[in-house]
Amino acid sequence: EDYRAEKPIDFEDGTAAICKHGVPSVTRAQFALSKFKLKIAAVHKYRPHPKGDYMIFTLDPASSNMALKYAKGIWYTQSNPDGKEGHTRVWLLCELKVSRLLPQWIVDYAAS
């Protein structure tokens, strides 16, 4: 399922999409990753769930760089963790693959 085939979400001011809690959505974001401030773009697919909402992310195929070859993961929110009413815990699980050209010490440093 390619995000580029989906209908665009209305924009409030031309810079941010209007997304609502509990409504599935697909967004794209650019941000700086790791200690090296490597700029990447990711596609986020938000899915609500009764036991905690989650968002699957992948690298945006329209954006590429020399270091990061693959990334996929999930952001998961847990409401009221450990019985703490009004709190939210955010979990991140991901898999990354980097270029073989990167020295192992740089990969280890970024992962620490």
Protein backbone atom coordinates (compact mmCIF):
# COMPACT_ATOMS: atom_id res chain seq x y z
CA GLU A 1 0.00 0.00 0.00
CA ASP A 2 1.73 3.16 -1.23
CA TYR A 3 1.03 6.34 0.74
CA ARG A 4 1.31 8.44 -2.44
CA ALA A 5 -1.90 6.82 -3.75
CA GLU A 6 -3.93 7.97 -0.75
CA LYS A 7 -6.09 11.09 -0.68
CA PRO A 8 -4.29 14.06 0.87
CA ILE A 9 -5.43 15.26 4.28
CA ASP A 10 -6.69 18.85 4.44
CA PHE A 11 -4.08 21.37 5.58
CA GLU A 12 -4.87 24.08 8.09
CA ASP A 13 -2.09 26.51 7.20
CA GLY A 14 -0.19 24.70 4.47
CA THR A 15 2.46 23.27 6.80
CA ALA A 16 0.72 20.76 9.10
CA ALA A 17 -1.94 18.15 8.45
CA ILE A 18 -5.00 17.97 10.67
CA CYS A 19 -4.92 14.53 12.25
CA LYS A 20 -7.33 13.30 14.88
CA HIS A 21 -6.78 10.83 17.70
CA GLY A 22 -8.49 7.53 16.97
CA VAL A 23 -8.67 8.13 13.20
CA PRO A 24 -6.21 6.10 11.07
CA SER A 25 -3.87 8.31 9.04
CA VAL A 26 -0.68 8.35 7.00
CA THR A 27 1.83 11.19 7.39
CA ARG A 28 5.36 12.00 6.27
CA ALA A 29 7.91 13.67 8.49
CA GLN A 30 11.50 14.77 8.15
CA PHE A 31 13.75 14.83 11.19
CA ALA A 32 17.34 14.57 12.36
CA LEU A 33 18.38 11.10 13.48
CA SER A 34 20.97 10.18 16.08
CA LYS A 35 24.03 12.01 17.35
CA PHE A 36 25.07 12.76 13.77
CA LYS A 37 21.92 14.75 12.96
CA LEU A 38 21.41 12.70 9.81
CA LYS A 39 18.33 14.07 8.03
CA ILE A 40 15.85 11.40 7.04
CA ALA A 41 12.24 11.31 5.91
CA ALA A 42 9.83 8.72 7.24
CA VAL A 43 6.31 7.63 6.45
CA HIS A 44 4.13 7.07 9.54
CA LYS A 45 0.98 4.97 9.44
CA TYR A 46 -1.11 5.63 12.54
CA ARG A 47 -3.55 2.95 13.65
CA PRO A 48 -5.82 3.19 16.70
CA HIS A 49 -6.24 0.13 18.94
CA PRO A 50 -8.28 -0.36 22.13
CA LYS A 51 -5.22 -1.48 24.12
CA GLY A 52 -2.94 1.30 22.84
CA ASP A 53 -2.51 3.18 19.60
CA TYR A 54 0.48 2.50 17.38
CA MET A 55 2.28 4.03 14.43
CA ILE A 56 4.34 2.05 11.92
CA PHE A 57 7.19 3.94 10.31
CA THR A 58 9.37 3.22 7.28
CA LEU A 59 11.89 5.25 5.32
CA ASP A 60 10.24 7.42 2.70
CA PRO A 61 11.15 5.86 -0.67
CA ALA A 62 11.38 9.36 -2.16
CA SER A 63 14.19 10.22 0.25
CA SER A 64 17.52 8.44 0.26
CA ASN A 65 20.92 8.91 1.84
CA MET A 66 24.30 7.22 1.80
CA ALA A 67 24.31 5.90 5.37
CA LEU A 68 20.87 4.53 6.20
CA LYS A 69 19.63 1.82 3.85
CA TYR A 70 16.57 0.48 5.67
CA ALA A 71 14.46 1.37 8.66
CA LYS A 72 11.16 0.00 9.87
CA GLY A 73 9.60 0.09 13.26
CA ILE A 74 6.68 0.86 15.46
CA TRP A 75 5.80 3.55 17.97
CA TYR A 76 3.31 2.20 20.51
CA THR A 77 1.50 4.17 23.21
CA GLN A 78 0.33 2.53 26.41
CA SER A 79 -2.31 4.39 28.42
CA ASN A 80 -2.17 4.33 32.23
CA PRO A 81 0.97 2.14 32.50
CA ASP A 82 1.38 0.34 35.82
CA GLY A 83 -2.00 1.72 36.89
CA LYS A 84 -0.76 5.35 36.71
CA GLU A 85 -3.92 7.18 35.71
CA GLY A 86 -3.39 10.04 33.25
CA HIS A 87 0.08 8.83 32.15
CA THR A 88 1.20 7.48 28.79
CA ARG A 89 4.23 5.31 28.10
CA VAL A 90 5.73 5.41 24.59
CA TRP A 91 7.57 2.35 23.26
CA LEU A 92 9.84 2.26 20.20
CA LEU A 93 10.82 -0.96 18.48
CA CYS A 94 12.80 -0.73 15.25
CA GLU A 95 15.16 -2.40 12.83
CA LEU A 96 17.85 -0.45 10.97
CA LYS A 97 20.32 -1.40 8.26
CA VAL A 98 23.23 0.86 7.41
CA SER A 99 25.69 1.01 4.55
CA ARG A 100 28.54 -1.49 4.65
CA LEU A 101 30.84 1.45 3.91
CA LEU A 102 30.34 2.83 7.43
CA PRO A 103 33.11 1.81 9.84
CA GLN A 104 31.88 -0.45 12.66
CA TRP A 105 33.02 2.00 15.36
CA ILE A 106 30.70 4.66 13.92
CA VAL A 107 27.76 2.22 13.90
CA ASP A 108 28.54 1.20 17.51
CA TYR A 109 28.82 4.86 18.59
CA ALA A 110 25.48 5.75 16.98
CA ALA A 111 23.79 2.76 18.62
CA SER A 112 25.05 3.59 22.11
